PDB file of N, CA and C in Angstrom:
ATOM      1  N   MET A   1      27.252   6.606  34.624  1.00  0.00           N
ATOM      2  CA  MET A   1      27.662   6.610  33.359  1.00  0.00           C
ATOM      3  C   MET A   1      26.604   5.320  32.617  1.00  0.00           C
ATOM      4  N   LYS A   2      26.471   5.650  31.105  1.00  0.00           N
ATOM      5  CA  LYS A   2      25.574   4.852  30.533  1.00  0.00           C
ATOM      6  C   LYS A   2      26.324   3.833  29.369  1.00  0.00           C
ATOM      7  N   LEU A   3      26.306   2.854  29.930  1.00  0.00           N
ATOM      8  CA  LEU A   3      27.020   2.217  28.570  1.00  0.00           C
ATOM      9  C   LEU A   3      25.959   1.618  27.357  1.00  0.00           C
ATOM     10  N   TYR A   4      25.722   1.297  26.327  1.00  0.00           N
ATOM     11  CA  TYR A   4      25.309   0.963  24.811  1.00  0.00           C
ATOM     12  C   TYR A   4      25.694  -0.778  24.479  1.00  0.00           C
ATOM     13  N   ILE A   5      25.158  -1.561  25.030  1.00  0.00           N
ATOM     14  CA  ILE A   5      25.834  -3.052  24.867  1.00  0.00           C
ATOM     15  C   ILE A   5      24.819  -3.707  23.765  1.00  0.00           C
ATOM     16  N   ILE A   6      25.641  -3.934  22.426  1.00  0.00           N
ATOM     17  CA  ILE A   6      24.229  -4.732  20.994  1.00  0.00           C
ATOM     18  C   ILE A   6      25.321  -6.527  21.405  1.00  0.00           C
ATOM     19  N   THR A   7      24.296  -6.698  21.481  1.00  0.00           N
ATOM     20  CA  THR A   7      23.815  -8.176  21.311  1.00  0.00           C
ATOM     21  C   THR A   7      23.246  -8.990  19.991  1.00  0.00           C
ATOM     22  N   ILE A   8      24.276  -9.972  20.035  1.00  0.00           N
ATOM     23  CA  ILE A   8      23.684 -10.602  18.319  1.00  0.00           C
ATOM     24  C   ILE A   8      24.056 -11.863  18.412  1.00  0.00           C
ATOM     25  N   GLU A   9      22.357 -12.123  17.651  1.00  0.00           N
ATOM     26  CA  GLU A   9      22.474 -13.292  18.048  1.00  0.00           C
ATOM     27  C   GLU A   9      22.293 -14.510  16.435  1.00  0.00           C
ATOM     28  N   ASP A  10      23.513 -15.051  16.058  1.00  0.00           N
ATOM     29  CA  ASP A  10      23.746 -15.523  14.638  1.00  0.00           C
ATOM     30  C   ASP A  10      23.335 -17.380  14.327  1.00  0.00           C
ATOM     31  N   VAL A  11      22.528 -17.653  13.889  1.00  0.00           N
ATOM     32  CA  VAL A  11      22.008 -18.801  13.165  1.00  0.00           C
ATOM     33  C   VAL A  11      21.948 -19.384  12.136  1.00  0.00           C
ATOM     34  N   TYR A  12      23.169 -20.254  11.511  1.00  0.00           N
ATOM     35  CA  TYR A  12      23.162 -20.305   9.996  1.00  0.00           C
ATOM     36  C   TYR A  12      22.683 -21.893  10.182  1.00  0.00           C
ATOM     37  N   ASP A  13      22.015 -22.092   9.275  1.00  0.00           N
ATOM     38  CA  ASP A  13      22.037 -23.796   8.845  1.00  0.00           C
ATOM     39  C   ASP A  13      21.941 -24.816  10.988  1.00  0.00           C
ATOM     40  N   GLY A  14      21.168 -23.680  11.235  1.00  0.00           N
ATOM     41  CA  GLY A  14      21.082 -24.951  12.764  1.00  0.00           C
ATOM     42  C   GLY A  14      22.154 -24.513  13.786  1.00  0.00           C
ATOM     43  N   ASP A  15      23.214 -23.908  13.339  1.00  0.00           N
ATOM     44  CA  ASP A  15      24.935 -23.655  13.784  1.00  0.00           C
ATOM     45  C   ASP A  15      24.358 -22.189  14.441  1.00  0.00           C
ATOM     46  N   SER A  16      24.599 -21.884  15.810  1.00  0.00           N
ATOM     47  CA  SER A  16      24.717 -21.024  16.266  1.00  0.00           C
ATOM     48  C   SER A  16      26.169 -20.075  16.605  1.00  0.00           C
ATOM     49  N   THR A  17      26.305 -19.176  15.546  1.00  0.00           N
ATOM     50  CA  THR A  17      27.891 -18.513  15.939  1.00  0.00           C
ATOM     51  C   THR A  17      27.776 -17.684  17.466  1.00  0.00           C
ATOM     52  N   HIS A  18      28.877 -17.448  17.970  1.00  0.00           N
ATOM     53  CA  HIS A  18      28.781 -16.489  19.294  1.00  0.00           C
ATOM     54  C   HIS A  18      29.692 -15.387  18.859  1.00  0.00           C
ATOM     55  N   HIS A  19      29.016 -14.450  19.186  1.00  0.00           N
ATOM     56  CA  HIS A  19      29.651 -12.996  18.717  1.00  0.00           C
ATOM     57  C   HIS A  19      30.016 -12.438  20.323  1.00  0.00           C
ATOM     58  N   GLN A  20      31.053 -11.773  20.187  1.00  0.00           N
ATOM     59  CA  GLN A  20      31.307 -10.991  21.774  1.00  0.00           C
ATOM     60  C   GLN A  20      30.519  -9.926  21.453  1.00  0.00           C
ATOM     61  N   PRO A  21      29.820  -9.452  23.272  1.00  0.00           N
ATOM     62  CA  PRO A  21      28.754  -8.410  22.369  1.00  0.00           C
ATOM     63  C   PRO A  21      29.668  -6.779  22.642  1.00  0.00           C
ATOM     64  N   ILE A  22      29.224  -5.809  21.963  1.00  0.00           N
ATOM     65  CA  ILE A  22      29.823  -5.204  21.663  1.00  0.00           C
ATOM     66  C   ILE A  22      28.934  -3.843  22.434  1.00  0.00           C
ATOM     67  N   ILE A  23      30.102  -3.148  22.923  1.00  0.00           N
ATOM     68  CA  ILE A  23      29.673  -1.883  23.767  1.00  0.00           C
ATOM     69  C   ILE A  23      30.363  -0.362  23.325  1.00  0.00           C
ATOM     70  N   LYS A  24      29.261  -0.220  23.466  1.00  0.00           N
ATOM     71  CA  LYS A  24      29.580   1.656  22.982  1.00  0.00           C
ATOM     72  C   LYS A  24      29.081   2.695  24.279  1.00  0.00           C
ATOM     73  N   LYS A  25      29.893   3.859  24.209  1.00  0.00           N
ATOM     74  CA  LYS A  25      29.613   4.943  24.740  1.00  0.00           C
ATOM     75  C   LYS A  25      28.280   5.826  24.532  1.00  0.00           C
ATOM     76  N   SER A  26      27.807   5.664  23.575  1.00  0.00           N
ATOM     77  CA  SER A  26      26.855   6.574  23.185  1.00  0.00           C
ATOM     78  C   SER A  26      25.828   5.910  22.183  1.00  0.00           C
ATOM     79  N   ILE A  27      24.639   6.639  22.546  1.00  0.00           N
ATOM     80  CA  ILE A  27      23.580   5.501  21.703  1.00  0.00           C
ATOM     81  C   ILE A  27      23.815   6.245  19.912  1.00  0.00           C
ATOM     82  N   GLU A  28      24.547   6.946  19.481  1.00  0.00           N
ATOM     83  CA  GLU A  28      24.292   7.540  18.069  1.00  0.00           C
ATOM     84  C   GLU A  28      25.774   6.297  17.709  1.00  0.00           C
ATOM     85  N   GLU A  29      27.079   6.019  18.603  1.00  0.00           N
ATOM     86  CA  GLU A  29      27.906   5.334  18.333  1.00  0.00           C
ATOM     87  C   GLU A  29      26.722   4.298  18.203  1.00  0.00           C
ATOM     88  N   ALA A  30      26.524   3.367  18.789  1.00  0.00           N
ATOM     89  CA  ALA A  30      25.701   1.776  19.263  1.00  0.00           C
ATOM     90  C   ALA A  30      24.688   1.924  17.619  1.00  0.00           C
ATOM     91  N   ARG A  31      23.904   3.063  17.586  1.00  0.00           N
ATOM     92  CA  ARG A  31      22.790   2.546  16.703  1.00  0.00           C
ATOM     93  C   ARG A  31      24.117   2.986  14.677  1.00  0.00           C
ATOM     94  N   GLN A  32      24.817   3.248  15.016  1.00  0.00           N
ATOM     95  CA  GLN A  32      25.748   3.471  13.624  1.00  0.00           C
ATOM     96  C   GLN A  32      26.310   2.265  13.545  1.00  0.00           C
ATOM     97  N   THR A  33      26.549   1.198  14.527  1.00  0.00           N
ATOM     98  CA  THR A  33      26.963   0.069  14.476  1.00  0.00           C
ATOM     99  C   THR A  33      26.477  -0.923  14.455  1.00  0.00           C
ATOM    100  N   MET A  34      25.269  -0.832  14.625  1.00  0.00           N
ATOM    101  CA  MET A  34      23.686  -1.350  14.196  1.00  0.00           C
ATOM    102  C   MET A  34      23.572  -1.047  12.748  1.00  0.00           C
ATOM    103  N   GLN A  35      23.877   0.057  12.228  1.00  0.00           N
ATOM    104  CA  GLN A  35      23.103   0.044  10.540  1.00  0.00           C
ATOM    105  C   GLN A  35      24.225  -0.276  10.031  1.00  0.00           C
ATOM    106  N   ASP A  36      25.482  -0.553  10.584  1.00  0.00           N
ATOM    107  CA  ASP A  36      26.699  -1.075   9.935  1.00  0.00           C
ATOM    108  C   ASP A  36      26.542  -2.593   9.848  1.00  0.00           C
ATOM    109  N   LEU A  37      26.068  -3.243  10.785  1.00  0.00           N
ATOM    110  CA  LEU A  37      25.572  -4.700  11.039  1.00  0.00           C
ATOM    111  C   LEU A  37      24.358  -4.947  10.334  1.00  0.00           C
ATOM    112  N   TYR A  38      23.739  -4.385   9.964  1.00  0.00           N
ATOM    113  CA  TYR A  38      22.299  -4.567   9.003  1.00  0.00           C
ATOM    114  C   TYR A  38      22.842  -4.382   7.716  1.00  0.00           C
ATOM    115  N   ASN A  39      23.579  -3.325   7.152  1.00  0.00           N
ATOM    116  CA  ASN A  39      23.992  -3.461   6.148  1.00  0.00           C
ATOM    117  C   ASN A  39      25.305  -4.650   5.950  1.00  0.00           C
ATOM    118  N   GLU A  40      25.750  -5.007   6.699  1.00  0.00           N
ATOM    119  CA  GLU A  40      26.757  -6.010   6.478  1.00  0.00           C
ATOM    120  C   GLU A  40      26.068  -7.430   6.062  1.00  0.00           C
ATOM    121  N   ASN A  41      25.184  -7.896   7.041  1.00  0.00           N
ATOM    122  CA  ASN A  41      24.469  -8.767   6.650  1.00  0.00           C
ATOM    123  C   ASN A  41      23.659  -8.926   6.034  1.00  0.00           C
ATOM    124  N   LYS A  42      22.463  -8.058   5.671  1.00  0.00           N
ATOM    125  CA  LYS A  42      21.411  -8.064   4.993  1.00  0.00           C
ATOM    126  C   LYS A  42      21.374  -9.085   3.151  1.00  0.00           C
ATOM    127  N   SER A  43      22.657  -9.038   2.469  1.00  0.00           N
ATOM    128  CA  SER A  43      22.468  -9.536   1.867  1.00  0.00           C
ATOM    129  C   SER A  43      22.726 -11.201   1.659  1.00  0.00           C
ATOM    130  N   TYR A  44      22.623 -11.574   2.871  1.00  0.00           N
ATOM    131  CA  TYR A  44      22.075 -13.134   2.997  1.00  0.00           C
ATOM    132  C   TYR A  44      20.892 -13.345   3.609  1.00  0.00           C
ATOM    133  N   TYR A  45      19.706 -12.500   3.626  1.00  0.00           N
ATOM    134  CA  TYR A  45      18.808 -12.535   3.839  1.00  0.00           C
ATOM    135  C   TYR A  45      17.964 -11.715   2.771  1.00  0.00           C
ATOM    136  N   ASP A  46      18.444 -11.517   1.671  1.00  0.00           N
ATOM    137  CA  ASP A  46      17.535 -10.428   0.717  1.00  0.00           C
ATOM    138  C   ASP A  46      17.107 -11.517  -0.219  1.00  0.00           C
ATOM    139  N   GLY A  47      15.886 -11.453  -0.282  1.00  0.00           N
ATOM    140  CA  GLY A  47      15.296 -12.090  -1.573  1.00  0.00           C
ATOM    141  C   GLY A  47      13.933 -13.437  -1.408  1.00  0.00           C
ATOM    142  N   ASP A  48      13.435 -14.113  -1.924  1.00  0.00           N
ATOM    143  CA  ASP A  48      12.074 -14.395  -1.650  1.00  0.00           C
ATOM    144  C   ASP A  48      12.602 -15.721  -1.039  1.00  0.00           C
ATOM    145  N   GLY A  49      11.203 -15.385   0.181  1.00  0.00           N
ATOM    146  CA  GLY A  49      11.453 -16.840   0.923  1.00  0.00           C
ATOM    147  C   GLY A  49      12.157 -16.319   2.699  1.00  0.00           C
ATOM    148  N   PHE A  50      12.725 -14.572   2.940  1.00  0.00           N
ATOM    149  CA  PHE A  50      13.477 -14.219   3.406  1.00  0.00           C
ATOM    150  C   PHE A  50      12.632 -13.120   4.177  1.00  0.00           C
ATOM    151  N   VAL A  51      12.775 -12.984   5.463  1.00  0.00           N
ATOM    152  CA  VAL A  51      11.943 -11.588   5.976  1.00  0.00           C
ATOM    153  C   VAL A  51      13.097 -11.034   6.578  1.00  0.00           C
ATOM    154  N   LEU A  52      13.373  -9.363   6.255  1.00  0.00           N
ATOM    155  CA  LEU A  52      14.007  -8.767   7.092  1.00  0.00           C
ATOM    156  C   LEU A  52      13.541  -7.711   7.448  1.00  0.00           C
ATOM    157  N   ASP A  53      13.425  -7.450   8.819  1.00  0.00           N
ATOM    158  CA  ASP A  53      13.476  -6.672   9.831  1.00  0.00           C
ATOM    159  C   ASP A  53      13.991  -4.891   9.645  1.00  0.00           C
ATOM    160  N   ASP A  54      13.440  -3.929   8.741  1.00  0.00           N
ATOM    161  CA  ASP A  54      14.682  -2.904   8.272  1.00  0.00           C
ATOM    162  C   ASP A  54      14.909  -2.455   9.096  1.00  0.00           C
ATOM    163  N   PHE A  55      16.038  -2.106   9.268  1.00  0.00           N
ATOM    164  CA  PHE A  55      16.665  -1.094  10.773  1.00  0.00           C
ATOM    165  C   PHE A  55      16.300  -0.364  10.191  1.00  0.00           C
ATOM    166  N   VAL A  56      15.067   0.769  10.851  1.00  0.00           N
ATOM    167  CA  VAL A  56      14.766   2.356  10.873  1.00  0.00           C
ATOM    168  C   VAL A  56      15.886   2.752  11.896  1.00  0.00           C
ATOM    169  N   PRO A  57      15.976   4.230  11.295  1.00  0.00           N
ATOM    170  CA  PRO A  57      17.489   4.779  11.896  1.00  0.00           C
ATOM    171  C   PRO A  57      16.617   5.125  13.212  1.00  0.00           C
ATOM    172  N   GLY A  58      17.276   4.990  14.168  1.00  0.00           N
ATOM    173  CA  GLY A  58      16.766   5.954  15.904  1.00  0.00           C
ATOM    174  C   GLY A  58      15.892   4.621  16.764  1.00  0.00           C
ATOM    175  N   SER A  59      15.861   3.412  15.829  1.00  0.00           N
ATOM    176  CA  SER A  59      15.657   2.129  16.341  1.00  0.00           C
ATOM    177  C   SER A  59      16.791   1.047  17.196  1.00  0.00           C
ATOM    178  N   ASP A  60      16.575   0.361  18.236  1.00  0.00           N
ATOM    179  CA  ASP A  60      16.988  -0.289  19.116  1.00  0.00           C
ATOM    180  C   ASP A  60      17.420  -1.786  18.606  1.00  0.00           C
ATOM    181  N   CYS A  61      17.016  -2.168  17.922  1.00  0.00           N
ATOM    182  CA  CYS A  61      16.700  -3.870  17.127  1.00  0.00           C
ATOM    183  C   CYS A  61      16.497  -4.213  15.682  1.00  0.00           C
ATOM    184  N   PHE A  62      16.712  -5.275  15.384  1.00  0.00           N
ATOM    185  CA  PHE A  62      16.355  -5.726  13.967  1.00  0.00           C
ATOM    186  C   PHE A  62      16.440  -6.957  14.097  1.00  0.00           C
ATOM    187  N   GLU A  63      15.699  -7.972  12.886  1.00  0.00           N
ATOM    188  CA  GLU A  63      15.679  -9.431  12.539  1.00  0.00           C
ATOM    189  C   GLU A  63      15.801  -9.408  11.022  1.00  0.00           C
ATOM    190  N   MET A  64      16.608 -10.367  11.045  1.00  0.00           N
ATOM    191  CA  MET A  64      16.514 -10.461   9.327  1.00  0.00           C
ATOM    192  C   MET A  64      16.440 -12.438   9.605  1.00  0.00           C
ATOM    193  N   TYR A  65      15.315 -13.401   8.703  1.00  0.00           N
ATOM    194  CA  TYR A  65      15.259 -14.602   8.777  1.00  0.00           C
ATOM    195  C   TYR A  65      14.984 -15.377   7.622  1.00  0.00           C
ATOM    196  N   GLU A  66      14.861 -16.928   7.763  1.00  0.00           N
ATOM    197  CA  GLU A  66      13.955 -17.633   6.805  1.00  0.00           C
ATOM    198  C   GLU A  66      12.642 -17.487   6.735  1.00  0.00           C
ATOM    199  N   ASP A  67      11.803 -17.472   6.067  1.00  0.00           N
ATOM    200  CA  ASP A  67      10.636 -17.468   6.441  1.00  0.00           C
ATOM    201  C   ASP A  67      10.173 -19.025   6.847  1.00  0.00           C
ATOM    202  N   GLY A  68       9.369 -18.869   8.151  1.00  0.00           N
ATOM    203  CA  GLY A  68       8.864 -20.693   8.170  1.00  0.00           C
ATOM    204  C   GLY A  68      10.224 -21.009   8.959  1.00  0.00           C
ATOM    205  N   TYR A  69      11.608 -20.765   9.199  1.00  0.00           N
ATOM    206  CA  TYR A  69      12.820 -21.299   9.542  1.00  0.00           C
ATOM    207  C   TYR A  69      13.305 -19.931  10.566  1.00  0.00           C
ATOM    208  N   TYR A  70      12.736 -19.810  11.435  1.00  0.00           N
ATOM    209  CA  TYR A  70      13.713 -18.662  12.247  1.00  0.00           C
ATOM    210  C   TYR A  70      14.577 -19.651  12.984  1.00  0.00           C
ATOM    211  N   SER A  71      14.216 -20.641  13.556  1.00  0.00           N
ATOM    212  CA  SER A  71      15.247 -21.430  14.341  1.00  0.00           C
ATOM    213  C   SER A  71      16.881 -21.999  13.566  1.00  0.00           C
ATOM    214  N   GLN A  72      16.192 -22.077  12.322  1.00  0.00           N
ATOM    215  CA  GLN A  72      17.701 -22.522  11.430  1.00  0.00           C
ATOM    216  C   GLN A  72      17.993 -21.877  10.652  1.00  0.00           C
ATOM    217  N   ASN A  73      18.067 -20.326  10.694  1.00  0.00           N
ATOM    218  CA  ASN A  73      18.657 -19.456   9.822  1.00  0.00           C
ATOM    219  C   ASN A  73      18.205 -17.860  10.281  1.00  0.00           C
ATOM    220  N   HIS A  74      18.755 -17.425  11.285  1.00  0.00           N
ATOM    221  CA  HIS A  74      18.266 -15.697  11.914  1.00  0.00           C
ATOM    222  C   HIS A  74      19.382 -15.534  11.977  1.00  0.00           C
ATOM    223  N   TYR A  75      19.393 -13.941  12.202  1.00  0.00           N
ATOM    224  CA  TYR A  75      20.243 -12.647  12.227  1.00  0.00           C
ATOM    225  C   TYR A  75      19.568 -11.999  12.809  1.00  0.00           C
ATOM    226  N   SER A  76      20.161 -11.695  14.521  1.00  0.00           N
ATOM    227  CA  SER A  76      19.557 -10.293  14.879  1.00  0.00           C
ATOM    228  C   SER A  76      20.327  -9.977  16.019  1.00  0.00           C
ATOM    229  N   ALA A  77      20.020  -8.418  16.464  1.00  0.00           N
ATOM    230  CA  ALA A  77      20.868  -7.017  16.939  1.00  0.00           C
ATOM    231  C   ALA A  77      20.025  -6.502  17.738  1.00  0.00           C
ATOM    232  N   VAL A  78      20.272  -6.443  18.941  1.00  0.00           N
ATOM    233  CA  VAL A  78      18.992  -5.616  19.954  1.00  0.00           C
ATOM    234  C   VAL A  78      20.400  -4.733  20.946  1.00  0.00           C
ATOM    235  N   ILE A  79      20.059  -3.310  21.264  1.00  0.00           N
ATOM    236  CA  ILE A  79      20.720  -2.540  22.136  1.00  0.00           C
ATOM    237  C   ILE A  79      20.238  -2.115  23.055  1.00  0.00           C
ATOM    238  N   ASP A  80      20.992  -2.787  24.156  1.00  0.00           N
ATOM    239  CA  ASP A  80      20.081  -2.497  25.488  1.00  0.00           C
ATOM    240  C   ASP A  80      21.272  -1.684  26.385  1.00  0.00           C
ATOM    241  N   GLU A  81      20.948  -0.591  26.942  1.00  0.00           N
ATOM    242  CA  GLU A  81      21.428   0.445  27.913  1.00  0.00           C
ATOM    243  C   GLU A  81      21.566  -0.219  29.715  1.00  0.00           C
ATOM    244  N   VAL A  82      22.979   0.082  29.628  1.00  0.00           N
ATOM    245  CA  VAL A  82      23.221  -0.519  30.998  1.00  0.00           C
ATOM    246  C   VAL A  82      23.796   1.257  31.647  1.00  0.00           C
ATOM    247  N   GLU A  83      23.114   1.205  32.618  1.00  0.00           N
ATOM    248  CA  GLU A  83      23.646   2.130  34.323  1.00  0.00           C
ATOM    249  C   GLU A  83      24.576   1.678  35.081  1.00  0.00           C
ATOM    250  N   ILE A  84      25.770   1.999  34.533  1.00  0.00           N
ATOM    251  CA  ILE A  84      27.237   2.154  35.295  1.00  0.00           C
ATOM    252  C   ILE A  84      27.884   2.609  36.531  1.00  0.00           C
TER     253      ILE A  84
END
């Protein structure tokens, strides 16, 4: 059986926020969750001075960050496939 684990890294103004990993039973569910996460957070990183790595349907990761200040402000998510 395969599980799909979404790991989120969220740093704002140098402070890291812990997010529980999100577990999905299908890649389709995981990718929909990724799209939802992207849509929910892109408004914080949309505009001049920010880089949005667009979430392309079918991809397994995305990043959003303040250009030149990645360690201070960024949001990223990645899907890992785990066989159990």
